[in-house]
Amino acid sequence: QFKRNYIYVNDLCGIIKYCLEQGIEGTHLVAGPAPISMAEMLDTICAMLLPGTKPEPRPGDNGFDQIVVPSPALPGGRTFADALTDIKSLALPSNPTLQNT
């Protein structure tokens, strides 16, 4: 399983805001704090949002790790599990599946 360090969009927005407030310019790399595989992401989604379910693995193309080393000048982001916790807390009452887990 290849790994990536995806960033949560709310964390990216916070980093952009931070750069604007601090006057940070130039090119900077941003990334999530911990590399995670797609299988790990799906397992975490099931555990946190769909208890009692498991993802069904399917064969796919070979991939490769793509890990970005983020700029030390920027604040860090949340782990995938922490991002899911935030998403769950923001879920609308019209979606009882996310509210009741």
N, C-alpha and C. Protein backbone atom coordinates (compact mmCIF):
# COMPACT_ATOMS: atom_id res chain seq x y z
N GLN A 1 0.83 -1.18 0.00
CA GLN A 1 0.00 0.00 0.00
C GLN A 1 0.88 1.25 0.00
N PHE A 2 0.67 2.07 -0.98
CA PHE A 2 1.44 3.31 -1.02
C PHE A 2 0.78 4.35 -0.12
N LYS A 3 1.57 5.30 0.34
CA LYS A 3 1.10 6.29 1.30
C LYS A 3 1.26 7.70 0.75
N ARG A 4 0.38 8.55 1.22
CA ARG A 4 0.41 9.99 0.92
C ARG A 4 0.15 10.72 2.22
N ASN A 5 0.54 11.98 2.27
CA ASN A 5 0.19 12.78 3.45
C ASN A 5 -0.73 13.92 3.01
N TYR A 6 -1.99 13.51 2.82
CA TYR A 6 -3.04 14.43 2.40
C TYR A 6 -3.26 15.49 3.48
N ILE A 7 -3.75 16.65 3.05
CA ILE A 7 -4.06 17.71 4.01
C ILE A 7 -5.56 17.96 4.02
N TYR A 8 -6.08 18.19 5.20
CA TYR A 8 -7.50 18.50 5.40
C TYR A 8 -7.75 19.93 4.91
N VAL A 9 -8.80 20.11 4.13
CA VAL A 9 -9.06 21.41 3.50
C VAL A 9 -9.20 22.53 4.55
N ASN A 10 -9.79 22.24 5.70
CA ASN A 10 -9.90 23.28 6.73
C ASN A 10 -8.52 23.68 7.26
N ASP A 11 -7.61 22.73 7.35
CA ASP A 11 -6.24 23.05 7.76
C ASP A 11 -5.55 23.90 6.71
N LEU A 12 -5.77 23.58 5.44
CA LEU A 12 -5.19 24.36 4.35
C LEU A 12 -5.70 25.80 4.42
N CYS A 13 -6.99 25.97 4.66
CA CYS A 13 -7.55 27.33 4.78
C CYS A 13 -6.90 28.07 5.94
N GLY A 14 -6.69 27.38 7.04
CA GLY A 14 -6.02 27.99 8.19
C GLY A 14 -4.59 28.40 7.87
N ILE A 15 -3.90 27.59 7.09
CA ILE A 15 -2.52 27.91 6.70
C ILE A 15 -2.50 29.13 5.78
N ILE A 16 -3.44 29.19 4.86
CA ILE A 16 -3.51 30.35 3.96
C ILE A 16 -3.78 31.61 4.78
N LYS A 17 -4.71 31.53 5.72
CA LYS A 17 -5.03 32.67 6.59
C LYS A 17 -3.79 33.08 7.38
N TYR A 18 -3.07 32.11 7.92
CA TYR A 18 -1.85 32.37 8.67
C TYR A 18 -0.83 33.12 7.80
N CYS A 19 -0.66 32.66 6.57
CA CYS A 19 0.30 33.31 5.66
C CYS A 19 -0.11 34.76 5.38
N LEU A 20 -1.39 34.99 5.19
CA LEU A 20 -1.86 36.35 4.93
C LEU A 20 -1.63 37.24 6.16
N GLU A 21 -1.94 36.72 7.33
CA GLU A 21 -1.78 37.50 8.56
C GLU A 21 -0.32 37.77 8.90
N GLN A 22 0.55 36.80 8.60
CA GLN A 22 1.97 36.92 8.94
C GLN A 22 2.80 37.53 7.81
N GLY A 23 2.17 37.77 6.68
CA GLY A 23 2.91 38.33 5.55
C GLY A 23 3.91 37.36 4.95
N ILE A 24 3.63 36.08 5.03
CA ILE A 24 4.54 35.06 4.49
C ILE A 24 4.34 35.00 2.98
N GLU A 25 5.43 35.09 2.26
CA GLU A 25 5.38 35.06 0.80
C GLU A 25 6.25 33.94 0.27
N GLY A 26 6.14 33.68 -1.01
CA GLY A 26 6.98 32.68 -1.65
C GLY A 26 6.25 31.37 -1.82
N THR A 27 6.99 30.39 -2.26
CA THR A 27 6.44 29.06 -2.48
C THR A 27 6.71 28.20 -1.26
N HIS A 28 5.68 27.60 -0.73
CA HIS A 28 5.79 26.74 0.45
C HIS A 28 5.00 25.47 0.19
N LEU A 29 5.53 24.35 0.62
CA LEU A 29 4.83 23.08 0.52
C LEU A 29 4.00 22.87 1.78
N VAL A 30 2.78 22.37 1.59
CA VAL A 30 1.92 22.04 2.72
C VAL A 30 1.52 20.57 2.59
N ALA A 31 1.30 19.94 3.73
CA ALA A 31 0.93 18.53 3.73
C ALA A 31 0.38 18.17 5.10
N GLY A 32 -0.32 17.06 5.14
CA GLY A 32 -0.78 16.53 6.41
C GLY A 32 0.40 16.02 7.21
N PRO A 33 0.20 15.84 8.52
CA PRO A 33 1.32 15.48 9.39
C PRO A 33 1.77 14.02 9.32
N ALA A 34 0.87 13.14 8.86
CA ALA A 34 1.21 11.71 8.91
C ALA A 34 0.83 11.02 7.61
N PRO A 35 1.79 10.36 6.98
CA PRO A 35 1.47 9.58 5.78
C PRO A 35 0.48 8.47 6.12
N ILE A 36 -0.46 8.23 5.20
CA ILE A 36 -1.49 7.23 5.42
C ILE A 36 -1.85 6.59 4.07
N SER A 37 -2.13 5.31 4.10
CA SER A 37 -2.52 4.62 2.87
C SER A 37 -4.02 4.75 2.66
N MET A 38 -4.47 4.50 1.46
CA MET A 38 -5.90 4.54 1.16
C MET A 38 -6.64 3.50 2.01
N ALA A 39 -6.04 2.33 2.18
CA ALA A 39 -6.67 1.29 3.01
C ALA A 39 -6.83 1.77 4.45
N GLU A 40 -5.81 2.43 4.98
CA GLU A 40 -5.90 2.97 6.34
C GLU A 40 -6.97 4.06 6.43
N MET A 41 -7.07 4.89 5.40
CA MET A 41 -8.10 5.94 5.38
C MET A 41 -9.48 5.30 5.41
N LEU A 42 -9.71 4.30 4.56
CA LEU A 42 -11.01 3.65 4.50
C LEU A 42 -11.35 2.93 5.80
N ASP A 43 -10.37 2.27 6.41
CA ASP A 43 -10.58 1.61 7.70
C ASP A 43 -10.99 2.64 8.75
N THR A 44 -10.33 3.79 8.76
CA THR A 44 -10.62 4.85 9.73
C THR A 44 -12.02 5.42 9.51
N ILE A 45 -12.38 5.64 8.25
CA ILE A 45 -13.72 6.15 7.93
C ILE A 45 -14.78 5.18 8.44
N CYS A 46 -14.60 3.90 8.16
CA CYS A 46 -15.57 2.90 8.63
C CYS A 46 -15.64 2.88 10.15
N ALA A 47 -14.51 2.87 10.81
CA ALA A 47 -14.48 2.81 12.27
C ALA A 47 -15.14 4.02 12.91
N MET A 48 -14.91 5.19 12.35
CA MET A 48 -15.41 6.42 12.98
C MET A 48 -16.80 6.84 12.52
N LEU A 49 -17.13 6.57 11.29
CA LEU A 49 -18.38 7.08 10.74
C LEU A 49 -19.40 6.00 10.41
N LEU A 50 -18.93 4.78 10.22
CA LEU A 50 -19.82 3.68 9.84
C LEU A 50 -19.49 2.44 10.68
N PRO A 51 -19.65 2.53 12.00
CA PRO A 51 -19.25 1.41 12.87
C PRO A 51 -19.89 0.09 12.43
N GLY A 52 -19.10 -0.96 12.53
CA GLY A 52 -19.58 -2.28 12.16
C GLY A 52 -19.41 -2.61 10.69
N THR A 53 -18.90 -1.66 9.91
CA THR A 53 -18.67 -1.92 8.49
C THR A 53 -17.18 -2.03 8.22
N LYS A 54 -16.87 -2.67 7.14
CA LYS A 54 -15.47 -2.80 6.70
C LYS A 54 -15.42 -2.50 5.21
N PRO A 55 -14.36 -1.85 4.75
CA PRO A 55 -14.24 -1.63 3.31
C PRO A 55 -13.97 -2.94 2.59
N GLU A 56 -14.38 -3.01 1.34
CA GLU A 56 -14.13 -4.19 0.52
C GLU A 56 -12.94 -3.90 -0.38
N PRO A 57 -11.81 -4.51 -0.10
CA PRO A 57 -10.62 -4.26 -0.93
C PRO A 57 -10.85 -4.73 -2.37
N ARG A 58 -10.34 -3.96 -3.30
CA ARG A 58 -10.39 -4.32 -4.71
C ARG A 58 -9.02 -4.08 -5.31
N PRO A 59 -8.63 -4.91 -6.25
CA PRO A 59 -7.32 -4.71 -6.86
C PRO A 59 -7.29 -3.40 -7.64
N GLY A 60 -6.13 -2.82 -7.67
CA GLY A 60 -5.97 -1.56 -8.40
C GLY A 60 -4.59 -1.47 -9.00
N ASP A 61 -4.33 -0.36 -9.62
CA ASP A 61 -3.03 -0.13 -10.22
C ASP A 61 -1.96 0.01 -9.14
N ASN A 62 -0.75 -0.32 -9.49
CA ASN A 62 0.36 -0.11 -8.58
C ASN A 62 0.57 1.39 -8.41
N GLY A 63 0.92 1.76 -7.21
CA GLY A 63 1.16 3.17 -6.92
C GLY A 63 2.54 3.34 -6.32
N PHE A 64 2.76 4.49 -5.76
CA PHE A 64 4.04 4.78 -5.12
C PHE A 64 3.80 5.78 -4.01
N ASP A 65 4.68 5.77 -3.02
CA ASP A 65 4.59 6.76 -1.95
C ASP A 65 4.82 8.15 -2.53
N GLN A 66 4.08 9.09 -2.03
CA GLN A 66 4.29 10.49 -2.41
C GLN A 66 4.15 11.31 -1.13
N ILE A 67 5.26 11.47 -0.46
CA ILE A 67 5.29 12.16 0.83
C ILE A 67 5.89 13.54 0.62
N VAL A 68 5.15 14.56 1.05
CA VAL A 68 5.59 15.94 0.93
C VAL A 68 6.13 16.38 2.29
N VAL A 69 7.29 16.99 2.30
CA VAL A 69 7.85 17.56 3.52
C VAL A 69 7.36 19.00 3.58
N PRO A 70 6.47 19.30 4.56
CA PRO A 70 5.91 20.65 4.60
C PRO A 70 6.91 21.70 5.08
N SER A 71 6.66 22.92 4.69
CA SER A 71 7.51 24.04 5.09
C SER A 71 7.49 24.20 6.60
N PRO A 72 8.65 24.32 7.24
CA PRO A 72 8.69 24.52 8.69
C PRO A 72 8.19 25.91 9.11
N ALA A 73 8.03 26.81 8.14
CA ALA A 73 7.55 28.16 8.45
C ALA A 73 6.03 28.20 8.66
N LEU A 74 5.36 27.10 8.36
CA LEU A 74 3.91 27.08 8.42
C LEU A 74 3.41 26.18 9.55
N PRO A 75 2.21 26.49 10.08
CA PRO A 75 1.65 25.63 11.12
C PRO A 75 1.30 24.25 10.56
N GLY A 76 1.29 23.27 11.42
CA GLY A 76 0.95 21.91 11.01
C GLY A 76 -0.54 21.70 10.92
N GLY A 77 -0.91 20.55 10.41
CA GLY A 77 -2.32 20.21 10.26
C GLY A 77 -2.69 19.05 11.16
N ARG A 78 -3.92 18.60 11.00
CA ARG A 78 -4.46 17.50 11.79
C ARG A 78 -4.20 16.16 11.13
N THR A 79 -4.21 15.12 11.95
CA THR A 79 -4.15 13.77 11.40
C THR A 79 -5.47 13.48 10.69
N PHE A 80 -5.50 12.41 9.91
CA PHE A 80 -6.72 12.04 9.21
C PHE A 80 -7.86 11.78 10.19
N ALA A 81 -7.57 11.06 11.28
CA ALA A 81 -8.60 10.76 12.28
C ALA A 81 -9.11 12.05 12.92
N ASP A 82 -8.22 12.98 13.23
CA ASP A 82 -8.64 14.25 13.81
C ASP A 82 -9.49 15.06 12.82
N ALA A 83 -9.14 15.01 11.54
CA ALA A 83 -9.93 15.69 10.52
C ALA A 83 -11.32 15.08 10.43
N LEU A 84 -11.43 13.75 10.52
CA LEU A 84 -12.74 13.09 10.50
C LEU A 84 -13.57 13.49 11.71
N THR A 85 -12.92 13.62 12.86
CA THR A 85 -13.63 14.06 14.06
C THR A 85 -14.21 15.45 13.84
N ASP A 86 -13.43 16.33 13.20
CA ASP A 86 -13.92 17.67 12.90
C ASP A 86 -15.07 17.62 11.91
N ILE A 87 -14.94 16.82 10.88
CA ILE A 87 -16.01 16.69 9.88
C ILE A 87 -17.28 16.18 10.55
N LYS A 88 -17.13 15.21 11.42
CA LYS A 88 -18.29 14.65 12.13
C LYS A 88 -18.96 15.72 12.99
N SER A 89 -18.17 16.56 13.64
CA SER A 89 -18.74 17.61 14.49
C SER A 89 -19.46 18.68 13.67
N LEU A 90 -19.09 18.81 12.40
CA LEU A 90 -19.71 19.80 11.53
C LEU A 90 -20.89 19.25 10.74
N ALA A 91 -21.14 17.95 10.88
CA ALA A 91 -22.20 17.30 10.10
C ALA A 91 -23.55 17.94 10.41
N LEU A 92 -24.33 18.12 9.39
CA LEU A 92 -25.65 18.72 9.54
C LEU A 92 -26.62 17.74 10.19
N PRO A 93 -27.56 18.25 10.99
CA PRO A 93 -28.56 17.35 11.59
C PRO A 93 -29.36 16.57 10.56
N SER A 94 -29.38 17.02 9.32
CA SER A 94 -30.12 16.31 8.28
C SER A 94 -29.44 15.02 7.87
N ASN A 95 -28.24 14.77 8.38
CA ASN A 95 -27.53 13.53 8.06
C ASN A 95 -27.37 12.71 9.33
N PRO A 96 -28.41 11.97 9.75
CA PRO A 96 -28.35 11.23 11.00
C PRO A 96 -27.29 10.14 11.02
N THR A 97 -26.85 9.67 9.86
CA THR A 97 -25.81 8.64 9.84
C THR A 97 -24.56 9.14 10.52
N LEU A 98 -24.14 10.39 10.24
CA LEU A 98 -22.94 10.93 10.85
C LEU A 98 -23.18 11.41 12.26
N GLN A 99 -24.37 11.88 12.57
CA GLN A 99 -24.67 12.40 13.89
C GLN A 99 -24.76 11.33 14.95
N ASN A 100 -25.16 10.14 14.59
CA ASN A 100 -25.43 9.10 15.58
C ASN A 100 -24.27 8.15 15.82
N THR A 101 -23.11 8.44 15.25
CA THR A 101 -21.97 7.53 15.45
C THR A 101 -21.00 8.12 16.43
